[in-house]
Amino acid sequence: MSISGEKVFHILKEISIKMDENKAFLSELDAAIGDGDHGLNMSKGFTAVVEKIKDEDKKDIGNILKKTGMTLVSNVGGASGPLYGTAFMKAGAAVAGKSEIGLSDFIEILEVALEGIKMRGKGESGDKTMIDAIAPAIEALKESIHNGDSSLESLKKAKEAAYKGVEYTKGIVARKGRASYLGERSIGHQDAGATSSYIMLETIYETLK
């Protein structure tokens, strides 16, 4: 599987649509243990991304991802802007100058994005954050490729692993952000950031399918 810069932009447009469709749901999740604005922020951020990139040259995928990150930093409030912004900027650096990317590039994109999120947020797996969706998705993707699955099957397993990660966040105590102030009371609520990460991975799979 190989995708062009135009296809990457198409995926970003689809993510923008999905964030808008899910903004009430994401904000509702966030309201239970956070500031209550995650959905609105993500919708606003990706709407700005589409507006920023639509007239840009789509040949350099690294540049598309870098500009996505910069736009998210300046348009998404709370912790999510810097975290997702850093993730996309790191991803852009990893594929700088490439006009097409394949599955191995996508693994690298996810790995450097996760490194950026961990570095920026000082978080780890089990903290009840977006890491709990992204980390298992990467492992499932690598395992699926190792087992000889097709690109689409590998992406499907990655998004399913991310979903399990979202479910996992319901049963653990938040150790980062505003939710961490609630301690044990954060148990029973799924993390909004993990959910928005899952939505992105699901959208990538659905768009490429």
C-alpha atoms as a PDB file:
ATOM      1  CA  MET A   1       0.000   0.000   0.000  1.00  0.00           C
ATOM      2  CA  SER A   2       1.333   3.424  -0.970  1.00  0.00           C
ATOM      3  CA  ILE A   3      -0.478   6.711  -0.468  1.00  0.00           C
ATOM      4  CA  SER A   4       0.158  10.164  -1.887  1.00  0.00           C
ATOM      5  CA  GLY A   5       0.066  13.612  -0.309  1.00  0.00           C
ATOM      6  CA  GLU A   6      -3.368  14.185  -1.853  1.00  0.00           C
ATOM      7  CA  LYS A   7      -4.607  11.030  -0.101  1.00  0.00           C
ATOM      8  CA  VAL A   8      -3.093  12.188   3.203  1.00  0.00           C
ATOM      9  CA  PHE A   9      -4.998  15.456   2.835  1.00  0.00           C
ATOM     10  CA  HIS A  10      -8.179  13.498   2.052  1.00  0.00           C
ATOM     11  CA  ILE A  11      -7.669  11.528   5.296  1.00  0.00           C
ATOM     12  CA  LEU A  12      -7.216  14.781   7.233  1.00  0.00           C
ATOM     13  CA  LYS A  13     -10.487  16.079   5.762  1.00  0.00           C
ATOM     14  CA  GLU A  14     -12.236  12.866   6.845  1.00  0.00           C
ATOM     15  CA  ILE A  15     -10.742  13.224  10.358  1.00  0.00           C
ATOM     16  CA  SER A  16     -12.086  16.787  10.458  1.00  0.00           C
ATOM     17  CA  ILE A  17     -15.579  15.513   9.561  1.00  0.00           C
ATOM     18  CA  LYS A  18     -15.386  12.761  12.219  1.00  0.00           C
ATOM     19  CA  MET A  19     -14.205  15.198  14.910  1.00  0.00           C
ATOM     20  CA  ASP A  20     -17.114  17.480  14.078  1.00  0.00           C
ATOM     21  CA  GLU A  21     -19.577  14.557  14.202  1.00  0.00           C
ATOM     22  CA  ASN A  22     -18.174  13.420  17.556  1.00  0.00           C
ATOM     23  CA  LYS A  23     -17.531  16.807  19.179  1.00  0.00           C
ATOM     24  CA  ALA A  24     -20.513  16.558  21.570  1.00  0.00           C
ATOM     25  CA  PHE A  25     -19.596  12.991  22.556  1.00  0.00           C
ATOM     26  CA  LEU A  26     -15.919  13.849  23.135  1.00  0.00           C
ATOM     27  CA  SER A  27     -16.800  16.942  25.152  1.00  0.00           C
ATOM     28  CA  GLU A  28     -19.261  14.905  27.211  1.00  0.00           C
ATOM     29  CA  LEU A  29     -16.518  12.368  28.016  1.00  0.00           C
ATOM     30  CA  ASP A  30     -14.168  15.211  28.890  1.00  0.00           C
ATOM     31  CA  ALA A  31     -16.754  16.962  31.071  1.00  0.00           C
ATOM     32  CA  ALA A  32     -16.902  13.921  33.395  1.00  0.00           C
ATOM     33  CA  ILE A  33     -13.224  14.134  34.371  1.00  0.00           C
ATOM     34  CA  GLY A  34     -11.712  17.153  32.584  1.00  0.00           C
ATOM     35  CA  ASP A  35     -12.512  20.616  31.223  1.00  0.00           C
ATOM     36  CA  GLY A  36     -15.372  19.506  28.972  1.00  0.00           C
ATOM     37  CA  ASP A  37     -14.023  21.119  25.804  1.00  0.00           C
ATOM     38  CA  HIS A  38     -12.052  18.329  24.102  1.00  0.00           C
ATOM     39  CA  GLY A  39     -14.586  17.716  21.330  1.00  0.00           C
ATOM     40  CA  LEU A  40     -15.033  21.376  20.489  1.00  0.00           C
ATOM     41  CA  ASN A  41     -11.272  21.894  20.500  1.00  0.00           C
ATOM     42  CA  MET A  42     -10.580  18.925  18.233  1.00  0.00           C
ATOM     43  CA  SER A  43     -13.317  19.925  15.796  1.00  0.00           C
ATOM     44  CA  LYS A  44     -12.052  23.509  15.687  1.00  0.00           C
ATOM     45  CA  GLY A  45      -8.449  22.331  15.302  1.00  0.00           C
ATOM     46  CA  PHE A  46      -9.006  19.996  12.363  1.00  0.00           C
ATOM     47  CA  THR A  47     -11.343  22.465  10.641  1.00  0.00           C
ATOM     48  CA  ALA A  48      -8.419  24.932  10.798  1.00  0.00           C
ATOM     49  CA  VAL A  49      -6.031  22.244   9.481  1.00  0.00           C
ATOM     50  CA  VAL A  50      -8.166  21.638   6.373  1.00  0.00           C
ATOM     51  CA  GLU A  51      -8.463  25.370   5.754  1.00  0.00           C
ATOM     52  CA  LYS A  52      -4.697  25.836   6.157  1.00  0.00           C
ATOM     53  CA  ILE A  53      -3.631  22.982   3.863  1.00  0.00           C
ATOM     54  CA  LYS A  54      -6.300  22.983   1.130  1.00  0.00           C
ATOM     55  CA  ASP A  55      -4.413  25.396  -1.136  1.00  0.00           C
ATOM     56  CA  GLU A  56      -0.921  24.087  -0.291  1.00  0.00           C
ATOM     57  CA  ASP A  57       1.236  21.915  -2.549  1.00  0.00           C
ATOM     58  CA  LYS A  58       0.462  18.320  -1.570  1.00  0.00           C
ATOM     59  CA  LYS A  59       3.689  16.766  -2.901  1.00  0.00           C
ATOM     60  CA  ASP A  60       5.630  16.785   0.392  1.00  0.00           C
ATOM     61  CA  ILE A  61       3.803  14.648   2.975  1.00  0.00           C
ATOM     62  CA  GLY A  62       6.250  15.718   5.666  1.00  0.00           C
ATOM     63  CA  ASN A  63       5.274  19.347   5.073  1.00  0.00           C
ATOM     64  CA  ILE A  64       1.536  18.492   5.236  1.00  0.00           C
ATOM     65  CA  LEU A  65       1.980  16.767   8.605  1.00  0.00           C
ATOM     66  CA  LYS A  66       4.246  19.510   9.964  1.00  0.00           C
ATOM     67  CA  LYS A  67       1.720  22.212   9.060  1.00  0.00           C
ATOM     68  CA  THR A  68      -1.057  20.075  10.582  1.00  0.00           C
ATOM     69  CA  GLY A  69       0.879  19.990  13.840  1.00  0.00           C
ATOM     70  CA  MET A  70       1.588  23.725  13.854  1.00  0.00           C
ATOM     71  CA  THR A  71      -2.068  24.483  13.141  1.00  0.00           C
ATOM     72  CA  LEU A  72      -3.257  22.206  15.955  1.00  0.00           C
ATOM     73  CA  VAL A  73      -0.870  23.864  18.432  1.00  0.00           C
ATOM     74  CA  SER A  74      -2.266  27.302  17.597  1.00  0.00           C
ATOM     75  CA  ASN A  75      -5.951  26.306  17.384  1.00  0.00           C
ATOM     76  CA  VAL A  76      -6.559  23.562  19.973  1.00  0.00           C
ATOM     77  CA  GLY A  77      -6.877  24.599  23.611  1.00  0.00           C
ATOM     78  CA  GLY A  78      -5.898  22.670  26.722  1.00  0.00           C
ATOM     79  CA  ALA A  79      -3.292  19.905  26.734  1.00  0.00           C
ATOM     80  CA  SER A  80      -4.491  18.371  23.453  1.00  0.00           C
ATOM     81  CA  GLY A  81      -3.116  21.148  21.218  1.00  0.00           C
ATOM     82  CA  PRO A  82       0.526  20.788  22.287  1.00  0.00           C
ATOM     83  CA  LEU A  83       0.261  16.972  22.487  1.00  0.00           C
ATOM     84  CA  TYR A  84      -1.335  16.342  19.088  1.00  0.00           C
ATOM     85  CA  GLY A  85       0.610  19.245  17.603  1.00  0.00           C
ATOM     86  CA  THR A  86       3.917  17.729  18.724  1.00  0.00           C
ATOM     87  CA  ALA A  87       2.800  14.308  17.439  1.00  0.00           C
ATOM     88  CA  PHE A  88       2.081  15.612  13.938  1.00  0.00           C
ATOM     89  CA  MET A  89       5.230  17.764  13.788  1.00  0.00           C
ATOM     90  CA  LYS A  90       7.389  14.772  14.764  1.00  0.00           C
ATOM     91  CA  ALA A  91       5.532  12.691  12.167  1.00  0.00           C
ATOM     92  CA  GLY A  92       6.238  15.357   9.544  1.00  0.00           C
ATOM     93  CA  ALA A  93       9.957  15.310  10.331  1.00  0.00           C
ATOM     94  CA  ALA A  94      10.013  11.503   9.993  1.00  0.00           C
ATOM     95  CA  VAL A  95       8.711  11.584   6.398  1.00  0.00           C
ATOM     96  CA  ALA A  96      10.122  14.953   5.302  1.00  0.00           C
ATOM     97  CA  GLY A  97      10.379  15.250   1.522  1.00  0.00           C
ATOM     98  CA  LYS A  98       8.404  12.077   0.772  1.00  0.00           C
ATOM     99  CA  SER A  99       5.696  12.256  -1.897  1.00  0.00           C
ATOM    100  CA  GLU A 100       4.373   8.773  -1.088  1.00  0.00           C
ATOM    101  CA  ILE A 101       4.337   6.696   2.091  1.00  0.00           C
ATOM    102  CA  GLY A 102       3.745   3.030   2.812  1.00  0.00           C
ATOM    103  CA  LEU A 103       2.928   0.979   5.890  1.00  0.00           C
ATOM    104  CA  SER A 104       6.503   0.997   7.211  1.00  0.00           C
ATOM    105  CA  ASP A 105       6.410   4.811   7.047  1.00  0.00           C
ATOM    106  CA  PHE A 106       3.105   4.788   8.913  1.00  0.00           C
ATOM    107  CA  ILE A 107       4.624   2.701  11.713  1.00  0.00           C
ATOM    108  CA  GLU A 108       7.489   5.195  11.959  1.00  0.00           C
ATOM    109  CA  ILE A 109       4.990   8.080  11.964  1.00  0.00           C
ATOM    110  CA  LEU A 110       3.080   6.517  14.859  1.00  0.00           C
ATOM    111  CA  GLU A 111       6.234   5.676  16.796  1.00  0.00           C
ATOM    112  CA  VAL A 112       7.740   9.170  16.603  1.00  0.00           C
ATOM    113  CA  ALA A 113       4.302  10.695  17.290  1.00  0.00           C
ATOM    114  CA  LEU A 114       4.029   8.568  20.439  1.00  0.00           C
ATOM    115  CA  GLU A 115       7.559   9.573  21.498  1.00  0.00           C
ATOM    116  CA  GLY A 116       6.582  13.225  21.047  1.00  0.00           C
ATOM    117  CA  ILE A 117       3.406  12.804  23.110  1.00  0.00           C
ATOM    118  CA  LYS A 118       5.315  11.037  25.909  1.00  0.00           C
ATOM    119  CA  MET A 119       8.019  13.707  25.891  1.00  0.00           C
ATOM    120  CA  ARG A 120       5.578  16.636  25.865  1.00  0.00           C
ATOM    121  CA  GLY A 121       3.099  15.215  28.380  1.00  0.00           C
ATOM    122  CA  LYS A 122       5.577  13.251  30.542  1.00  0.00           C
ATOM    123  CA  GLY A 123       3.129  10.334  30.270  1.00  0.00           C
ATOM    124  CA  GLU A 124       3.319   6.563  29.990  1.00  0.00           C
ATOM    125  CA  SER A 125       0.946   3.680  29.274  1.00  0.00           C
ATOM    126  CA  GLY A 126      -1.548   3.228  32.099  1.00  0.00           C
ATOM    127  CA  ASP A 127      -1.861   6.956  32.856  1.00  0.00           C
ATOM    128  CA  LYS A 128      -5.365   7.099  31.278  1.00  0.00           C
ATOM    129  CA  THR A 129      -4.405   9.216  28.277  1.00  0.00           C
ATOM    130  CA  MET A 130      -4.204   9.003  24.476  1.00  0.00           C
ATOM    131  CA  ILE A 131      -1.066   6.870  24.959  1.00  0.00           C
ATOM    132  CA  ASP A 132      -3.312   3.998  26.076  1.00  0.00           C
ATOM    133  CA  ALA A 133      -4.912   3.931  22.608  1.00  0.00           C
ATOM    134  CA  ILE A 134      -1.852   4.683  20.462  1.00  0.00           C
ATOM    135  CA  ALA A 135       0.721   2.344  22.063  1.00  0.00           C
ATOM    136  CA  PRO A 136      -1.340  -0.868  21.665  1.00  0.00           C
ATOM    137  CA  ALA A 137      -2.273   0.166  18.108  1.00  0.00           C
ATOM    138  CA  ILE A 138       1.430   0.329  17.171  1.00  0.00           C
ATOM    139  CA  GLU A 139       2.126  -3.075  18.722  1.00  0.00           C
ATOM    140  CA  ALA A 140      -0.867  -4.663  16.956  1.00  0.00           C
ATOM    141  CA  LEU A 141       0.182  -3.101  13.636  1.00  0.00           C
ATOM    142  CA  LYS A 142       3.736  -4.443  13.906  1.00  0.00           C
ATOM    143  CA  GLU A 143       2.582  -7.890  15.006  1.00  0.00           C
ATOM    144  CA  SER A 144       0.050  -8.088  12.176  1.00  0.00           C
ATOM    145  CA  ILE A 145       2.670  -7.176   9.548  1.00  0.00           C
ATOM    146  CA  HIS A 146       5.095  -9.695  11.073  1.00  0.00           C
ATOM    147  CA  ASN A 147       2.396 -12.351  10.721  1.00  0.00           C
ATOM    148  CA  GLY A 148       2.043 -11.581   7.007  1.00  0.00           C
ATOM    149  CA  ASP A 149      -1.359  -9.881   7.104  1.00  0.00           C
ATOM    150  CA  SER A 150      -2.333  -7.459   4.342  1.00  0.00           C
ATOM    151  CA  SER A 151      -1.928  -3.712   4.853  1.00  0.00           C
ATOM    152  CA  LEU A 152      -5.672  -3.224   5.368  1.00  0.00           C
ATOM    153  CA  GLU A 153      -5.917  -6.155   7.783  1.00  0.00           C
ATOM    154  CA  SER A 154      -2.978  -4.722   9.746  1.00  0.00           C
ATOM    155  CA  LEU A 155      -4.637  -1.284   9.943  1.00  0.00           C
ATOM    156  CA  LYS A 156      -7.875  -2.952  11.050  1.00  0.00           C
ATOM    157  CA  LYS A 157      -6.097  -4.763  13.875  1.00  0.00           C
ATOM    158  CA  ALA A 158      -4.383  -1.519  14.888  1.00  0.00           C
ATOM    159  CA  LYS A 159      -7.651   0.380  15.227  1.00  0.00           C
ATOM    160  CA  GLU A 160      -9.230  -2.558  17.093  1.00  0.00           C
ATOM    161  CA  ALA A 161      -6.301  -2.528  19.545  1.00  0.00           C
ATOM    162  CA  ALA A 162      -6.789   1.231  19.989  1.00  0.00           C
ATOM    163  CA  TYR A 163     -10.450   0.607  20.809  1.00  0.00           C
ATOM    164  CA  LYS A 164      -9.463  -1.942  23.443  1.00  0.00           C
ATOM    165  CA  GLY A 165      -7.095   0.701  24.811  1.00  0.00           C
ATOM    166  CA  VAL A 166      -9.996   3.159  25.097  1.00  0.00           C
ATOM    167  CA  GLU A 167     -12.017   0.512  26.954  1.00  0.00           C
ATOM    168  CA  TYR A 168      -9.016  -0.093  29.245  1.00  0.00           C
ATOM    169  CA  THR A 169      -8.993   3.586  30.282  1.00  0.00           C
ATOM    170  CA  LYS A 170     -12.411   3.113  31.902  1.00  0.00           C
ATOM    171  CA  GLY A 171     -10.960   0.844  34.592  1.00  0.00           C
ATOM    172  CA  ILE A 172      -7.869   2.814  35.624  1.00  0.00           C
ATOM    173  CA  VAL A 173      -7.101   5.891  37.714  1.00  0.00           C
ATOM    174  CA  ALA A 174      -6.074   9.039  35.822  1.00  0.00           C
ATOM    175  CA  ARG A 175      -2.509  10.044  36.553  1.00  0.00           C
ATOM    176  CA  LYS A 176      -2.175  13.028  34.198  1.00  0.00           C
ATOM    177  CA  GLY A 177      -3.979  16.320  33.626  1.00  0.00           C
ATOM    178  CA  ARG A 178      -7.012  17.659  35.377  1.00  0.00           C
ATOM    179  CA  ALA A 179      -8.557  14.179  35.629  1.00  0.00           C
ATOM    180  CA  SER A 180      -5.709  13.135  37.956  1.00  0.00           C
ATOM    181  CA  TYR A 181      -7.130  15.428  40.677  1.00  0.00           C
ATOM    182  CA  LEU A 182     -10.143  13.127  40.936  1.00  0.00           C
ATOM    183  CA  GLY A 183      -8.056  10.104  41.945  1.00  0.00           C
ATOM    184  CA  GLU A 184     -10.212   6.987  42.350  1.00  0.00           C
ATOM    185  CA  ARG A 185     -13.282   8.920  41.153  1.00  0.00           C
ATOM    186  CA  SER A 186     -11.833   8.948  37.643  1.00  0.00           C
ATOM    187  CA  ILE A 187     -12.419   5.166  37.452  1.00  0.00           C
ATOM    188  CA  GLY A 188     -15.421   4.255  35.299  1.00  0.00           C
ATOM    189  CA  HIS A 189     -14.871   7.074  32.799  1.00  0.00           C
ATOM    190  CA  GLN A 190     -13.166   6.581  29.435  1.00  0.00           C
ATOM    191  CA  ASP A 191     -10.493   9.052  28.482  1.00  0.00           C
ATOM    192  CA  ALA A 192     -11.468  11.625  25.852  1.00  0.00           C
ATOM    193  CA  GLY A 193      -7.939  11.877  24.407  1.00  0.00           C
ATOM    194  CA  ALA A 194      -7.680   8.113  23.960  1.00  0.00           C
ATOM    195  CA  THR A 195     -11.084   8.245  22.257  1.00  0.00           C
ATOM    196  CA  SER A 196     -10.075  10.978  19.800  1.00  0.00           C
ATOM    197  CA  SER A 197      -6.892   9.007  18.996  1.00  0.00           C
ATOM    198  CA  TYR A 198      -9.025   5.941  18.286  1.00  0.00           C
ATOM    199  CA  ILE A 199     -11.314   8.017  16.034  1.00  0.00           C
ATOM    200  CA  MET A 200      -8.275   9.104  13.993  1.00  0.00           C
ATOM    201  CA  LEU A 201      -6.996   5.539  13.577  1.00  0.00           C
ATOM    202  CA  GLU A 202     -10.464   4.268  12.698  1.00  0.00           C
ATOM    203  CA  THR A 203     -10.872   7.065  10.132  1.00  0.00           C
ATOM    204  CA  ILE A 204      -7.520   6.211   8.514  1.00  0.00           C
ATOM    205  CA  TYR A 205      -8.612   2.571   8.185  1.00  0.00           C
ATOM    206  CA  GLU A 206     -12.101   3.397   6.885  1.00  0.00           C
ATOM    207  CA  THR A 207     -10.794   5.945   4.373  1.00  0.00           C
ATOM    208  CA  LEU A 208      -8.167   3.582   2.964  1.00  0.00           C
ATOM    209  CA  LYS A 209     -10.584   0.657   2.894  1.00  0.00           C
END
